[in-house]
């Protein structure tokens, strides 16, 4: 283990200690918690929304809400702060997506993903192919997109992804299976269309 890294269990206890200090109004504890978790919250929001600006706004809003209502996460209930935060981000992203106009094109949001480093699809060559994959992910049903973001991008264990999604690990596996099948079909269809043109 790297010298500066904190074991997960210690980090969870540390998050609980920070939460108690935040409830007492301590700004430094809040800043520490934000530094620790904001990047992961942003990545998830970005993957779900496809827009850097919307993701930044969403995460900032959620942390401000947490500052004003720190009892929203109770460290005594046994859940990790990160699990709680992922769930809050997912729910808020769902609300944003529902408020979007139905005619708003997916391509507009996919364009903001061009610079993303996509670990899941590293084997896909070229930026054009990566953009196709990103557009295909954004076109997936919401729950499948959430499962992809949590398991493949955030690399959460299946059990924790299930906790965040408030479902079972088996259901997450099923969502991932359907998402992979849909992506494979979508990307294969696009290749056929391009070859025919």
C-alpha atoms as a PDB file:
ATOM      1  CA  UNK A   1       0.000   0.000   0.000  1.00  0.00           C
ATOM      2  CA  UNK A   2       1.291   3.483  -0.841  1.00  0.00           C
ATOM      3  CA  UNK A   3       2.489   5.469   2.111  1.00  0.00           C
ATOM      4  CA  UNK A   4      -0.144   8.209   1.715  1.00  0.00           C
ATOM      5  CA  UNK A   5      -3.118   5.953   1.138  1.00  0.00           C
ATOM      6  CA  UNK A   6      -5.687   5.187   3.801  1.00  0.00           C
ATOM      7  CA  UNK A   7      -7.209   1.697   4.092  1.00  0.00           C
ATOM      8  CA  UNK A   8     -10.891   1.638   3.096  1.00  0.00           C
ATOM      9  CA  UNK A   9     -12.130   0.728   6.580  1.00  0.00           C
ATOM     10  CA  UNK A  10     -10.081   3.545   8.164  1.00  0.00           C
ATOM     11  CA  UNK A  11     -11.353   5.920   5.485  1.00  0.00           C
ATOM     12  CA  UNK A  12     -14.964   4.938   6.234  1.00  0.00           C
ATOM     13  CA  UNK A  13     -14.392   5.602   9.949  1.00  0.00           C
ATOM     14  CA  UNK A  14     -12.648   8.846   9.040  1.00  0.00           C
ATOM     15  CA  UNK A  15     -15.647   9.874   6.872  1.00  0.00           C
ATOM     16  CA  UNK A  16     -17.902   9.214   9.878  1.00  0.00           C
ATOM     17  CA  UNK A  17     -15.667  11.373  12.092  1.00  0.00           C
ATOM     18  CA  UNK A  18     -15.701  14.125   9.467  1.00  0.00           C
ATOM     19  CA  UNK A  19     -19.505  13.912   9.268  1.00  0.00           C
ATOM     20  CA  UNK A  20     -19.810  14.396  13.021  1.00  0.00           C
ATOM     21  CA  UNK A  21     -17.506  17.433  12.815  1.00  0.00           C
ATOM     22  CA  UNK A  22     -19.541  18.815   9.890  1.00  0.00           C
ATOM     23  CA  UNK A  23     -22.721  18.451  11.976  1.00  0.00           C
ATOM     24  CA  UNK A  24     -20.952  20.628  14.562  1.00  0.00           C
ATOM     25  CA  UNK A  25     -20.397  23.263  11.834  1.00  0.00           C
ATOM     26  CA  UNK A  26     -16.695  22.688  11.149  1.00  0.00           C
ATOM     27  CA  UNK A  27     -15.789  24.058   7.700  1.00  0.00           C
ATOM     28  CA  UNK A  28     -12.381  22.317   7.554  1.00  0.00           C
ATOM     29  CA  UNK A  29     -14.022  18.908   7.944  1.00  0.00           C
ATOM     30  CA  UNK A  30     -16.461  19.741   5.138  1.00  0.00           C
ATOM     31  CA  UNK A  31     -13.614  20.832   2.862  1.00  0.00           C
ATOM     32  CA  UNK A  32     -11.781  17.567   3.559  1.00  0.00           C
ATOM     33  CA  UNK A  33     -14.858  15.489   2.743  1.00  0.00           C
ATOM     34  CA  UNK A  34     -15.474  17.463  -0.466  1.00  0.00           C
ATOM     35  CA  UNK A  35     -11.834  17.048  -1.578  1.00  0.00           C
ATOM     36  CA  UNK A  36     -12.015  13.337  -0.851  1.00  0.00           C
ATOM     37  CA  UNK A  37     -15.277  12.587  -2.699  1.00  0.00           C
ATOM     38  CA  UNK A  38     -16.005  15.331  -5.246  1.00  0.00           C
ATOM     39  CA  UNK A  39     -13.956  13.831  -8.101  1.00  0.00           C
ATOM     40  CA  UNK A  40     -15.794  10.495  -7.918  1.00  0.00           C
ATOM     41  CA  UNK A  41     -19.167  12.261  -7.652  1.00  0.00           C
ATOM     42  CA  UNK A  42     -18.291  14.387 -10.687  1.00  0.00           C
ATOM     43  CA  UNK A  43     -17.184  11.366 -12.754  1.00  0.00           C
ATOM     44  CA  UNK A  44     -20.436   9.559 -12.057  1.00  0.00           C
ATOM     45  CA  UNK A  45     -22.561  12.641 -12.808  1.00  0.00           C
ATOM     46  CA  UNK A  46     -20.629  13.226 -16.034  1.00  0.00           C
ATOM     47  CA  UNK A  47     -21.101   9.631 -17.170  1.00  0.00           C
ATOM     48  CA  UNK A  48     -24.828   9.779 -16.459  1.00  0.00           C
ATOM     49  CA  UNK A  49     -25.504  13.243 -17.865  1.00  0.00           C
ATOM     50  CA  UNK A  50     -22.944  13.443 -20.663  1.00  0.00           C
ATOM     51  CA  UNK A  51     -22.350  17.111 -19.890  1.00  0.00           C
ATOM     52  CA  UNK A  52     -19.372  18.451 -17.975  1.00  0.00           C
ATOM     53  CA  UNK A  53     -21.171  21.682 -17.063  1.00  0.00           C
ATOM     54  CA  UNK A  54     -24.289  19.952 -15.777  1.00  0.00           C
ATOM     55  CA  UNK A  55     -22.160  17.475 -13.813  1.00  0.00           C
ATOM     56  CA  UNK A  56     -20.149  20.270 -12.181  1.00  0.00           C
ATOM     57  CA  UNK A  57     -23.331  22.166 -11.267  1.00  0.00           C
ATOM     58  CA  UNK A  58     -25.005  19.047  -9.911  1.00  0.00           C
ATOM     59  CA  UNK A  59     -22.064  18.048  -7.686  1.00  0.00           C
ATOM     60  CA  UNK A  60     -21.589  21.564  -6.371  1.00  0.00           C
ATOM     61  CA  UNK A  61     -25.304  21.820  -5.566  1.00  0.00           C
ATOM     62  CA  UNK A  62     -25.309  18.449  -3.790  1.00  0.00           C
ATOM     63  CA  UNK A  63     -22.351  19.325  -1.576  1.00  0.00           C
ATOM     64  CA  UNK A  64     -23.880  22.702  -0.700  1.00  0.00           C
ATOM     65  CA  UNK A  65     -27.100  20.891   0.262  1.00  0.00           C
ATOM     66  CA  UNK A  66     -25.070  18.451   2.373  1.00  0.00           C
ATOM     67  CA  UNK A  67     -23.380  21.360   4.176  1.00  0.00           C
ATOM     68  CA  UNK A  68     -26.783  22.819   5.030  1.00  0.00           C
ATOM     69  CA  UNK A  69     -28.248  19.438   6.001  1.00  0.00           C
ATOM     70  CA  UNK A  70     -25.348  17.188   7.124  1.00  0.00           C
ATOM     71  CA  UNK A  71     -27.684  14.805   8.919  1.00  0.00           C
ATOM     72  CA  UNK A  72     -28.779  13.585   5.450  1.00  0.00           C
ATOM     73  CA  UNK A  73     -26.053  10.935   5.776  1.00  0.00           C
ATOM     74  CA  UNK A  74     -26.067   9.107   9.075  1.00  0.00           C
ATOM     75  CA  UNK A  75     -22.748   7.308   9.669  1.00  0.00           C
ATOM     76  CA  UNK A  76     -24.447   5.208  12.329  1.00  0.00           C
ATOM     77  CA  UNK A  77     -26.687   3.388   9.824  1.00  0.00           C
ATOM     78  CA  UNK A  78     -23.721   1.386   8.522  1.00  0.00           C
ATOM     79  CA  UNK A  79     -23.594   2.712   4.962  1.00  0.00           C
ATOM     80  CA  UNK A  80     -20.463   4.286   3.527  1.00  0.00           C
ATOM     81  CA  UNK A  81     -20.470   7.984   2.705  1.00  0.00           C
ATOM     82  CA  UNK A  82     -19.408   7.118  -0.848  1.00  0.00           C
ATOM     83  CA  UNK A  83     -22.348   4.712  -1.272  1.00  0.00           C
ATOM     84  CA  UNK A  84     -24.758   7.350   0.008  1.00  0.00           C
ATOM     85  CA  UNK A  85     -23.189  10.028  -2.229  1.00  0.00           C
ATOM     86  CA  UNK A  86     -23.323   7.838  -5.359  1.00  0.00           C
ATOM     87  CA  UNK A  87     -27.028   7.221  -4.695  1.00  0.00           C
ATOM     88  CA  UNK A  88     -27.681  10.957  -4.231  1.00  0.00           C
ATOM     89  CA  UNK A  89     -25.781  11.763  -7.453  1.00  0.00           C
ATOM     90  CA  UNK A  90     -27.712   9.093  -9.373  1.00  0.00           C
ATOM     91  CA  UNK A  91     -31.061  10.392  -8.130  1.00  0.00           C
ATOM     92  CA  UNK A  92     -30.167  14.005  -8.893  1.00  0.00           C
ATOM     93  CA  UNK A  93     -28.885  13.064 -12.370  1.00  0.00           C
ATOM     94  CA  UNK A  94     -32.137  11.201 -13.001  1.00  0.00           C
ATOM     95  CA  UNK A  95     -34.062  14.357 -12.100  1.00  0.00           C
ATOM     96  CA  UNK A  96     -31.932  16.436 -14.496  1.00  0.00           C
ATOM     97  CA  UNK A  97     -32.469  13.928 -17.297  1.00  0.00           C
ATOM     98  CA  UNK A  98     -36.230  13.925 -16.743  1.00  0.00           C
ATOM     99  CA  UNK A  99     -36.340  17.728 -16.966  1.00  0.00           C
ATOM    100  CA  UNK A 100     -34.507  17.811 -20.282  1.00  0.00           C
ATOM    101  CA  UNK A 101     -36.610  18.397 -23.332  1.00  0.00           C
ATOM    102  CA  UNK A 102     -37.366  15.071 -25.028  1.00  0.00           C
ATOM    103  CA  UNK A 103     -36.140  16.425 -28.351  1.00  0.00           C
ATOM    104  CA  UNK A 104     -32.749  17.475 -26.980  1.00  0.00           C
ATOM    105  CA  UNK A 105     -30.202  15.505 -29.002  1.00  0.00           C
ATOM    106  CA  UNK A 106     -27.952  12.970 -27.301  1.00  0.00           C
ATOM    107  CA  UNK A 107     -25.098  14.085 -29.578  1.00  0.00           C
ATOM    108  CA  UNK A 108     -24.938  17.477 -27.839  1.00  0.00           C
ATOM    109  CA  UNK A 109     -24.187  15.794 -24.542  1.00  0.00           C
ATOM    110  CA  UNK A 110     -21.972  13.120 -26.049  1.00  0.00           C
ATOM    111  CA  UNK A 111     -19.763  15.826 -27.556  1.00  0.00           C
ATOM    112  CA  UNK A 112     -18.645  16.906 -24.079  1.00  0.00           C
ATOM    113  CA  UNK A 113     -17.283  13.404 -23.454  1.00  0.00           C
ATOM    114  CA  UNK A 114     -14.652  13.586 -26.214  1.00  0.00           C
ATOM    115  CA  UNK A 115     -11.812  14.132 -23.776  1.00  0.00           C
ATOM    116  CA  UNK A 116     -12.876  11.382 -21.366  1.00  0.00           C
ATOM    117  CA  UNK A 117     -10.484   8.545 -20.708  1.00  0.00           C
ATOM    118  CA  UNK A 118     -12.634   5.463 -21.066  1.00  0.00           C
ATOM    119  CA  UNK A 119     -10.992   2.509 -19.319  1.00  0.00           C
ATOM    120  CA  UNK A 120     -13.752   0.086 -20.262  1.00  0.00           C
ATOM    121  CA  UNK A 121     -13.250   0.578 -23.975  1.00  0.00           C
ATOM    122  CA  UNK A 122      -9.464   1.109 -24.180  1.00  0.00           C
ATOM    123  CA  UNK A 123      -9.236  -1.589 -26.808  1.00  0.00           C
ATOM    124  CA  UNK A 124     -11.410   0.412 -29.200  1.00  0.00           C
ATOM    125  CA  UNK A 125      -9.148   2.219 -31.601  1.00  0.00           C
ATOM    126  CA  UNK A 126      -9.484   5.848 -32.537  1.00  0.00           C
ATOM    127  CA  UNK A 127     -11.473   8.769 -31.273  1.00  0.00           C
ATOM    128  CA  UNK A 128     -14.338   8.229 -33.713  1.00  0.00           C
ATOM    129  CA  UNK A 129     -15.010   4.751 -32.338  1.00  0.00           C
ATOM    130  CA  UNK A 130     -14.825   6.021 -28.744  1.00  0.00           C
ATOM    131  CA  UNK A 131     -17.346   8.733 -29.591  1.00  0.00           C
ATOM    132  CA  UNK A 132     -19.683   6.115 -31.035  1.00  0.00           C
ATOM    133  CA  UNK A 133     -19.389   4.089 -27.838  1.00  0.00           C
ATOM    134  CA  UNK A 134     -20.065   7.149 -25.690  1.00  0.00           C
ATOM    135  CA  UNK A 135     -23.142   8.039 -27.726  1.00  0.00           C
ATOM    136  CA  UNK A 136     -24.342   4.431 -27.458  1.00  0.00           C
ATOM    137  CA  UNK A 137     -23.888   4.481 -23.653  1.00  0.00           C
ATOM    138  CA  UNK A 138     -25.821   7.744 -23.376  1.00  0.00           C
ATOM    139  CA  UNK A 139     -28.641   6.151 -25.400  1.00  0.00           C
ATOM    140  CA  UNK A 140     -28.959   3.198 -22.978  1.00  0.00           C
ATOM    141  CA  UNK A 141     -31.896   3.085 -20.562  1.00  0.00           C
ATOM    142  CA  UNK A 142     -31.160   4.959 -17.348  1.00  0.00           C
ATOM    143  CA  UNK A 143     -30.644   1.940 -15.042  1.00  0.00           C
ATOM    144  CA  UNK A 144     -28.279   0.246 -17.523  1.00  0.00           C
ATOM    145  CA  UNK A 145     -26.272   3.467 -17.870  1.00  0.00           C
ATOM    146  CA  UNK A 146     -26.076   3.708 -14.064  1.00  0.00           C
ATOM    147  CA  UNK A 147     -24.828   0.120 -13.772  1.00  0.00           C
ATOM    148  CA  UNK A 148     -22.180   0.725 -16.465  1.00  0.00           C
ATOM    149  CA  UNK A 149     -21.024   3.937 -14.750  1.00  0.00           C
ATOM    150  CA  UNK A 150     -20.781   2.403 -11.280  1.00  0.00           C
ATOM    151  CA  UNK A 151     -19.217  -0.968 -12.143  1.00  0.00           C
ATOM    152  CA  UNK A 152     -17.023  -0.201 -15.155  1.00  0.00           C
ATOM    153  CA  UNK A 153     -16.120   3.455 -14.723  1.00  0.00           C
ATOM    154  CA  UNK A 154     -16.146   3.814 -10.936  1.00  0.00           C
ATOM    155  CA  UNK A 155     -15.056   0.170 -10.496  1.00  0.00           C
ATOM    156  CA  UNK A 156     -17.324  -0.416  -7.544  1.00  0.00           C
ATOM    157  CA  UNK A 157     -17.666  -4.007  -6.362  1.00  0.00           C
ATOM    158  CA  UNK A 158     -20.963  -5.522  -7.493  1.00  0.00           C
ATOM    159  CA  UNK A 159     -22.291  -5.520  -3.916  1.00  0.00           C
ATOM    160  CA  UNK A 160     -21.625  -1.790  -3.429  1.00  0.00           C
ATOM    161  CA  UNK A 161     -23.060  -0.930  -6.858  1.00  0.00           C
ATOM    162  CA  UNK A 162     -26.195  -2.835  -5.843  1.00  0.00           C
ATOM    163  CA  UNK A 163     -26.371  -0.852  -2.570  1.00  0.00           C
ATOM    164  CA  UNK A 164     -26.074   2.425  -4.481  1.00  0.00           C
ATOM    165  CA  UNK A 165     -28.771   1.357  -6.944  1.00  0.00           C
ATOM    166  CA  UNK A 166     -30.894  -0.055  -4.106  1.00  0.00           C
ATOM    167  CA  UNK A 167     -31.170  -3.438  -5.745  1.00  0.00           C
ATOM    168  CA  UNK A 168     -29.446  -6.824  -5.657  1.00  0.00           C
ATOM    169  CA  UNK A 169     -26.063  -7.780  -7.136  1.00  0.00           C
ATOM    170  CA  UNK A 170     -27.933 -10.212  -9.409  1.00  0.00           C
ATOM    171  CA  UNK A 171     -30.086  -7.366 -10.752  1.00  0.00           C
ATOM    172  CA  UNK A 172     -26.960  -5.271 -11.430  1.00  0.00           C
ATOM    173  CA  UNK A 173     -25.420  -8.216 -13.303  1.00  0.00           C
ATOM    174  CA  UNK A 174     -28.597  -8.485 -15.356  1.00  0.00           C
ATOM    175  CA  UNK A 175     -28.543  -4.751 -16.161  1.00  0.00           C
ATOM    176  CA  UNK A 176     -24.900  -5.022 -17.217  1.00  0.00           C
ATOM    177  CA  UNK A 177     -25.664  -8.017 -19.422  1.00  0.00           C
ATOM    178  CA  UNK A 178     -28.493  -6.187 -21.171  1.00  0.00           C
ATOM    179  CA  UNK A 179     -26.329  -3.056 -21.518  1.00  0.00           C
ATOM    180  CA  UNK A 180     -23.454  -5.018 -23.067  1.00  0.00           C
ATOM    181  CA  UNK A 181     -25.855  -6.729 -25.499  1.00  0.00           C
ATOM    182  CA  UNK A 182     -27.437  -3.387 -26.459  1.00  0.00           C
ATOM    183  CA  UNK A 183     -24.031  -1.756 -26.942  1.00  0.00           C
ATOM    184  CA  UNK A 184     -22.808  -4.651 -29.042  1.00  0.00           C
ATOM    185  CA  UNK A 185     -25.922  -4.550 -31.238  1.00  0.00           C
ATOM    186  CA  UNK A 186     -25.831  -0.746 -31.543  1.00  0.00           C
ATOM    187  CA  UNK A 187     -22.148  -0.608 -32.417  1.00  0.00           C
ATOM    188  CA  UNK A 188     -22.434  -3.519 -34.879  1.00  0.00           C
ATOM    189  CA  UNK A 189     -25.380  -1.798 -36.588  1.00  0.00           C
ATOM    190  CA  UNK A 190     -23.401   1.450 -36.883  1.00  0.00           C
ATOM    191  CA  UNK A 191     -20.495  -0.401 -38.485  1.00  0.00           C
ATOM    192  CA  UNK A 192     -22.834  -2.021 -41.008  1.00  0.00           C
ATOM    193  CA  UNK A 193     -24.383   1.333 -41.859  1.00  0.00           C
ATOM    194  CA  UNK A 194     -20.953   2.901 -42.364  1.00  0.00           C
ATOM    195  CA  UNK A 195     -19.790   0.034 -44.568  1.00  0.00           C
ATOM    196  CA  UNK A 196     -22.923   0.384 -46.718  1.00  0.00           C
ATOM    197  CA  UNK A 197     -22.449   4.135 -47.205  1.00  0.00           C
END
